Amino acid sequence: MRKKMFAMQLDAPGRPLRAVERPIPDPGPGEIRIVIAACGVCRTDLHIADGDIRGSLPIVPGHEIVGRVEAIGAGVRDLDVGMRVGAAWLGGCCGHCRYCAAGRENLCDTPVFTGFTRDGGFASHCLADARFCFPLPDSFDDLHAAPLLCAGLIGYRAYRMAGDARLIGLYGFGAAAHILAQLAVADGRTVFAFTRDGDTAGQDFARRLGCQWAGSSTTAPPETLDAAIIFAPDGALVPEALKRVRKGGRVVCAGIHMSEIPAFPYADLWEERSIQSVANLTRADGTEFLALAARRSIETQVTAMPLGDANAALDLLRSGTVEGALVLVP
């Protein structure tokens, strides 16, 4: 009898994930089958589980996948059985819409998203489009590589959106910010960390990673910012951050979902301040960032949990008490 795979499946928004067994799938043309060693738990997984963003169900969440190629489909050329790879949120694109043709595949009109429109990594095995998988640097073990594949990648894209900002504020000091802070400090930039009121543990964590200042999201930093990057899904932080950036400064919203942004005076936006959103990632982002993370010796702080405890991991993320990143291990 053929061995089966194990997965944690979302059947309906707001319900706990359900443990299921399925036949192990065979890869189709252009696909690989991955034996999963680790999968990070991202806030996007929480938005999917809670119904903040909605797609076809049932689905197996998870898009910070680290594992080894177990089987390859027809036409796969660049990956071999046994190679360690990562699979991220962008799991495929059409390749021919106006955005793909312009090198902006993150905005593809018909994208495939890992753990949202195709089954993801809260499982023992998964299928993936070989073209959208990344060889991983040897300097990161499986656990510590997992958060790089979304928290790191989206943080990196948001960082690039901030341009040449020397004084950067990070709102929401979770999985993405703890990676990005290290990168920005290594680049010689000054980082200010903004956390929830009273989150002294999170503020201490930020200082340990090289942030010059850490305080409440409603507190003014000691200097005016060149740019602010918002990772927390709280729309009220947008006008708050606008007050903290200089003339010509930018506020970058890095999440896939955010609560409503309240009204604010035009004066806070005037003087050529801007608000910029970040959508998804490109394969170029992944290639550039993974190489950069290895060169800069980025360290991810992770807490490992068994795959069967996926619901408990989502609850921890929902509570806002996680320091660093959570990673599920089959």
Protein backbone atom coordinates (compact mmCIF):
# COMPACT_ATOMS: atom_id res chain seq x y z
CA MET A 1 0.00 0.00 0.00
CA ARG A 2 1.31 3.44 -0.92
CA LYS A 3 2.28 5.71 1.96
CA LYS A 4 0.02 8.68 2.66
CA MET A 5 0.85 12.28 3.50
CA PHE A 6 -0.32 14.26 6.52
CA ALA A 7 -1.67 17.83 6.33
CA MET A 8 -3.46 20.48 8.38
CA GLN A 9 -6.39 21.65 6.27
CA LEU A 10 -8.64 24.72 6.49
CA ASP A 11 -12.25 23.79 5.67
CA ALA A 12 -13.97 27.08 6.50
CA PRO A 13 -12.89 30.55 7.72
CA GLY A 14 -12.81 30.85 11.47
CA ARG A 15 -12.67 27.10 12.07
CA PRO A 16 -9.62 25.29 13.41
CA LEU A 17 -7.44 23.53 10.89
CA ARG A 18 -8.25 19.83 10.58
CA ALA A 19 -5.68 17.02 10.46
CA VAL A 20 -6.14 14.95 7.29
CA GLU A 21 -4.41 12.12 5.47
CA ARG A 22 -4.20 12.06 1.68
CA PRO A 23 -2.49 10.04 -1.00
CA ILE A 24 0.95 11.44 -1.79
CA PRO A 25 0.50 13.34 -5.08
CA ASP A 26 2.58 12.83 -8.21
CA PRO A 27 4.14 15.93 -9.76
CA GLY A 28 2.75 17.04 -13.11
CA PRO A 29 4.71 18.67 -15.94
CA GLY A 30 6.95 21.41 -14.58
CA GLU A 31 6.26 20.45 -10.96
CA ILE A 32 8.28 18.95 -8.14
CA ARG A 33 7.19 17.10 -5.03
CA ILE A 34 8.79 18.36 -1.84
CA VAL A 35 9.26 16.39 1.36
CA ILE A 36 8.78 19.20 3.86
CA ALA A 37 11.31 19.68 6.65
CA ALA A 38 9.95 22.97 8.01
CA CYS A 39 7.29 25.58 7.23
CA GLY A 40 7.11 29.01 8.80
CA VAL A 41 3.85 30.40 10.17
CA CYS A 42 3.11 33.78 8.62
CA ARG A 43 0.52 36.41 9.48
CA THR A 44 -0.94 35.82 6.01
CA ASP A 45 -1.75 32.26 7.13
CA LEU A 46 -3.65 33.81 10.02
CA HIS A 47 -5.55 36.15 7.66
CA ILE A 48 -6.51 33.14 5.54
CA ALA A 49 -7.60 31.08 8.58
CA ASP A 50 -9.63 33.98 9.99
CA GLY A 51 -11.27 34.81 6.65
CA ASP A 52 -9.73 38.28 6.30
CA ILE A 53 -8.73 37.22 2.78
CA ARG A 54 -10.78 34.53 1.07
CA GLY A 55 -10.13 31.96 -1.61
CA SER A 56 -11.29 28.48 -2.57
CA LEU A 57 -11.57 25.97 0.26
CA PRO A 58 -10.51 23.53 1.52
CA ILE A 59 -6.86 24.56 1.46
CA VAL A 60 -3.65 23.61 3.21
CA PRO A 61 -2.02 26.89 4.32
CA GLY A 62 1.70 27.60 4.59
CA HIS A 63 4.08 29.36 2.21
CA GLU A 64 7.46 29.46 3.97
CA ILE A 65 8.37 25.95 2.87
CA VAL A 66 11.77 24.29 3.25
CA GLY A 67 12.32 20.74 2.11
CA ARG A 68 13.96 18.40 -0.35
CA VAL A 69 12.94 17.45 -3.85
CA GLU A 70 11.54 13.92 -3.76
CA ALA A 71 10.20 13.64 -7.32
CA ILE A 72 10.25 15.74 -10.47
CA GLY A 73 7.71 16.06 -13.28
CA ALA A 74 8.30 16.20 -16.99
CA GLY A 75 10.22 19.21 -18.24
CA VAL A 76 11.94 20.12 -14.98
CA ARG A 77 15.53 20.99 -15.84
CA ASP A 78 17.19 22.97 -13.06
CA LEU A 79 16.30 20.91 -9.97
CA ASP A 80 17.28 17.37 -9.07
CA VAL A 81 15.98 14.81 -6.59
CA GLY A 82 17.59 15.40 -3.20
CA MET A 83 18.16 19.15 -3.63
CA ARG A 84 17.07 21.41 -0.76
CA VAL A 85 14.67 24.10 -1.93
CA GLY A 86 12.35 26.75 -0.62
CA ALA A 87 8.86 27.58 -1.88
CA ALA A 88 7.33 30.98 -1.16
CA TRP A 89 4.00 32.83 -1.44
CA LEU A 90 4.15 33.44 -5.20
CA GLY A 91 3.72 29.94 -6.56
CA GLY A 92 3.15 30.78 -10.22
CA CYS A 93 2.18 33.44 -12.74
CA CYS A 94 0.81 33.52 -16.27
CA GLY A 95 3.97 34.96 -17.85
CA HIS A 96 2.12 36.94 -20.52
CA CYS A 97 -0.17 39.58 -18.97
CA ARG A 98 0.92 43.23 -19.08
CA TYR A 99 2.47 42.96 -15.61
CA CYS A 100 4.42 39.77 -16.24
CA ALA A 101 5.63 41.19 -19.57
CA ALA A 102 6.93 44.26 -17.72
CA GLY A 103 8.85 42.20 -15.13
CA ARG A 104 6.20 42.78 -12.46
CA GLU A 105 5.05 39.20 -11.97
CA ASN A 106 4.07 40.04 -8.38
CA LEU A 107 1.07 41.85 -9.92
CA CYS A 108 0.12 39.06 -12.36
CA ASP A 109 -3.57 39.05 -13.31
CA THR A 110 -3.88 35.28 -12.73
CA PRO A 111 -1.33 34.41 -10.02
CA VAL A 112 -0.92 31.20 -8.06
CA PHE A 113 -0.34 31.62 -4.34
CA THR A 114 1.14 28.87 -2.20
CA GLY A 115 -1.12 27.97 0.71
CA PHE A 116 -3.98 30.06 -0.69
CA THR A 117 -4.81 29.04 -4.26
CA ARG A 118 -2.77 25.83 -4.15
CA ASP A 119 -2.03 23.62 -1.15
CA GLY A 120 0.94 24.75 0.88
CA GLY A 121 3.38 23.68 3.52
CA PHE A 122 1.37 22.82 6.65
CA ALA A 123 1.91 19.24 5.53
CA SER A 124 4.46 16.46 5.20
CA HIS A 125 4.57 16.82 1.39
CA CYS A 126 3.52 19.35 -1.23
CA LEU A 127 3.72 20.01 -4.94
CA ALA A 128 5.27 23.19 -6.33
CA ASP A 129 6.04 24.79 -9.68
CA ALA A 130 9.76 24.15 -10.11
CA ARG A 131 10.27 27.59 -11.68
CA PHE A 132 9.16 29.27 -8.46
CA CYS A 133 11.36 27.33 -6.04
CA PHE A 134 14.67 28.62 -4.68
CA PRO A 135 17.85 26.74 -3.83
CA LEU A 136 18.66 27.73 -0.24
CA PRO A 137 21.99 28.97 1.18
CA ASP A 138 23.84 26.30 3.16
CA SER A 139 24.44 28.83 5.95
CA PHE A 140 20.81 28.44 7.10
CA ASP A 141 19.48 25.19 8.51
CA ASP A 142 15.91 24.17 7.72
CA LEU A 143 14.30 25.86 10.73
CA HIS A 144 16.12 29.16 10.33
CA ALA A 145 15.68 29.28 6.56
CA ALA A 146 11.88 29.04 6.71
CA PRO A 147 11.10 32.64 7.84
CA LEU A 148 13.29 34.03 5.06
CA LEU A 149 10.76 32.82 2.49
CA CYS A 150 8.06 35.34 3.31
CA ALA A 151 8.90 37.42 6.38
CA GLY A 152 12.31 38.00 4.85
CA LEU A 153 11.23 38.37 1.23
CA ILE A 154 8.32 40.73 1.84
CA GLY A 155 10.45 42.69 4.30
CA TYR A 156 13.15 42.99 1.67
CA ARG A 157 10.71 44.23 -0.99
CA ALA A 158 9.34 46.79 1.48
CA TYR A 159 12.91 47.82 2.34
CA ARG A 160 13.64 48.47 -1.32
CA MET A 161 10.45 50.56 -1.53
CA ALA A 162 11.89 52.76 1.23
CA GLY A 163 14.65 53.81 -1.18
CA ASP A 164 17.73 55.46 0.26
CA ALA A 165 16.14 56.27 3.62
CA ARG A 166 18.77 56.50 6.35
CA LEU A 167 16.38 56.78 9.30
CA ILE A 168 13.79 54.00 9.11
CA GLY A 169 10.89 53.22 11.42
CA LEU A 170 9.51 49.66 11.65
CA TYR A 171 5.95 49.37 12.95
CA GLY A 172 5.12 45.91 14.28
CA PHE A 173 8.26 44.11 15.42
CA GLY A 174 7.51 40.53 14.46
CA ALA A 175 8.96 37.95 12.09
CA ALA A 176 9.55 40.34 9.18
CA ALA A 177 10.84 43.30 11.18
CA HIS A 178 13.33 41.23 13.18
CA ILE A 179 14.96 40.14 9.90
CA LEU A 180 14.78 43.52 8.20
CA ALA A 181 16.20 45.37 11.20
CA GLN A 182 19.38 43.31 10.95
CA LEU A 183 19.69 43.99 7.23
CA ALA A 184 19.16 47.73 7.65
CA VAL A 185 21.65 47.98 10.53
CA ALA A 186 24.21 46.04 8.48
CA ASP A 187 23.66 48.59 5.70
CA GLY A 188 24.55 51.39 8.10
CA ARG A 189 21.01 52.70 8.50
CA THR A 190 19.44 53.81 11.76
CA VAL A 191 16.39 51.79 12.78
CA PHE A 192 13.59 52.77 15.15
CA ALA A 193 11.24 50.00 16.32
CA PHE A 194 7.59 50.64 17.16
CA THR A 195 5.63 48.06 19.15
CA ARG A 196 2.33 47.76 20.96
CA ASP A 197 1.91 49.86 24.09
CA GLY A 198 3.63 48.18 27.02
CA ASP A 199 5.47 45.57 24.94
CA THR A 200 8.74 45.96 26.78
CA ALA A 201 9.89 42.47 25.78
CA GLY A 202 9.46 43.30 22.10
CA GLN A 203 11.29 46.59 22.57
CA ASP A 204 14.19 44.88 24.34
CA PHE A 205 14.32 42.34 21.49
CA ALA A 206 14.52 45.16 18.94
CA ARG A 207 17.38 46.84 20.79
CA ARG A 208 19.30 43.57 20.96
CA LEU A 209 19.10 43.38 17.18
CA GLY A 210 20.67 46.81 16.79
CA CYS A 211 17.71 49.20 16.73
CA GLN A 212 18.78 52.58 18.09
CA TRP A 213 15.40 53.23 19.72
CA ALA A 214 12.31 51.19 20.54
CA GLY A 215 9.01 52.40 21.90
CA SER A 216 5.25 52.50 21.55
CA SER A 217 3.64 52.99 18.14
CA THR A 218 1.92 56.10 19.48
CA THR A 219 5.17 57.68 20.69
CA ALA A 220 7.31 60.08 18.68
CA PRO A 221 10.81 58.75 17.94
CA PRO A 222 13.81 60.89 18.88
CA GLU A 223 14.35 61.88 15.22
CA THR A 224 12.12 62.48 12.22
CA LEU A 225 12.06 59.43 9.94
CA ASP A 226 13.02 59.28 6.28
CA ALA A 227 10.66 56.32 5.83
CA ALA A 228 8.39 54.06 7.85
CA ILE A 229 7.49 50.45 7.08
CA ILE A 230 4.30 49.06 8.61
CA PHE A 231 4.10 45.30 9.17
CA ALA A 232 1.26 45.35 11.72
CA PRO A 233 -2.22 44.95 10.13
CA ASP A 234 -3.54 48.04 11.91
CA GLY A 235 -4.75 50.78 9.55
CA ALA A 236 -4.58 53.37 12.33
CA LEU A 237 -0.79 53.18 12.11
CA VAL A 238 -0.77 54.78 8.64
CA PRO A 239 -1.71 58.32 9.77
CA GLU A 240 0.41 57.78 12.89
CA ALA A 241 3.46 56.98 10.75
CA LEU A 242 2.77 59.89 8.39
CA LYS A 243 3.21 62.24 11.34
CA ARG A 244 6.68 60.81 11.95
CA VAL A 245 8.18 61.08 8.45
CA ARG A 246 9.95 64.12 7.04
CA LYS A 247 8.94 66.12 3.98
CA GLY A 248 9.25 63.85 0.95
CA GLY A 249 9.20 60.80 3.21
CA ARG A 250 7.37 57.55 2.53
CA VAL A 251 5.15 55.20 4.51
CA VAL A 252 5.30 51.64 3.17
CA CYS A 253 2.44 49.25 4.01
CA ALA A 254 3.92 45.76 3.83
CA GLY A 255 0.98 43.52 4.75
CA ILE A 256 -1.49 41.71 2.50
CA HIS A 257 -4.37 42.81 4.72
CA MET A 258 -4.93 45.82 6.96
CA SER A 259 -7.87 47.20 8.90
CA GLU A 260 -9.47 50.37 7.60
CA ILE A 261 -7.27 53.46 7.52
CA PRO A 262 -8.99 56.26 9.44
CA ALA A 263 -9.36 59.74 8.00
CA PHE A 264 -6.45 62.11 8.56
CA PRO A 265 -5.71 65.75 7.73
CA TYR A 266 -4.32 66.41 4.27
CA ALA A 267 -1.60 68.44 5.98
CA ASP A 268 -0.07 65.19 7.24
CA LEU A 269 0.32 63.94 3.66
CA TRP A 270 1.29 67.28 2.13
CA GLU A 271 4.90 68.26 1.34
CA GLU A 272 5.28 65.26 -0.95
CA ARG A 273 4.94 62.55 1.63
CA SER A 274 3.59 59.32 0.13
CA ILE A 275 1.94 56.03 1.05
CA GLN A 276 3.07 52.90 -0.81
CA SER A 277 1.73 49.35 -0.61
CA VAL A 278 3.74 46.18 -1.23
CA ALA A 279 2.13 43.29 -3.08
CA ASN A 280 3.60 39.80 -3.08
CA LEU A 281 7.12 39.25 -4.41
CA THR A 282 9.02 38.38 -7.57
CA ARG A 283 11.49 35.57 -8.16
CA ALA A 284 14.17 38.24 -8.53
CA ASP A 285 13.37 39.43 -5.01
CA GLY A 286 13.90 35.89 -3.74
CA THR A 287 17.19 35.32 -5.52
CA GLU A 288 18.60 38.68 -4.43
CA PHE A 289 17.46 38.50 -0.83
CA LEU A 290 18.52 34.92 -0.08
CA ALA A 291 22.04 35.66 -1.34
CA LEU A 292 22.11 38.90 0.63
CA ALA A 293 20.89 37.24 3.84
CA ALA A 294 23.73 34.74 3.60
CA ARG A 295 26.36 37.42 2.95
CA ARG A 296 25.13 39.59 5.83
CA SER A 297 24.86 36.64 8.22
CA ILE A 298 21.25 37.41 9.08
CA GLU A 299 20.06 35.40 12.09
CA THR A 300 16.43 34.38 12.35
CA GLN A 301 15.01 33.72 15.79
CA VAL A 302 12.58 30.81 15.60
CA THR A 303 10.38 28.72 17.86
CA ALA A 304 9.74 25.22 16.47
CA MET A 305 6.38 23.49 16.96
CA PRO A 306 5.06 20.15 15.73
CA LEU A 307 2.93 20.33 12.57
CA GLY A 308 -0.02 18.89 14.46
CA ASP A 309 0.07 21.99 16.71
CA ALA A 310 -0.66 24.35 13.81
CA ASN A 311 -3.80 25.70 15.49
CA ALA A 312 -1.86 26.50 18.66
CA ALA A 313 0.77 28.27 16.53
CA LEU A 314 -1.91 30.41 14.87
CA ASP A 315 -3.32 31.26 18.32
CA LEU A 316 0.12 32.39 19.47
CA LEU A 317 0.51 34.56 16.38
CA ARG A 318 -2.97 35.98 16.95
CA SER A 319 -2.00 36.94 20.51
CA GLY A 320 0.91 39.09 19.29
CA THR A 321 3.30 37.58 21.85
CA VAL A 322 5.66 35.78 19.45
CA GLU A 323 9.29 36.89 19.51
CA GLY A 324 10.75 36.24 16.08
CA ALA A 325 9.04 33.54 14.01
CA LEU A 326 7.13 30.29 14.51
CA VAL A 327 8.06 27.27 12.41
CA LEU A 328 6.10 24.03 12.05
CA VAL A 329 8.00 20.76 11.75
CA PRO A 330 6.30 17.63 10.31
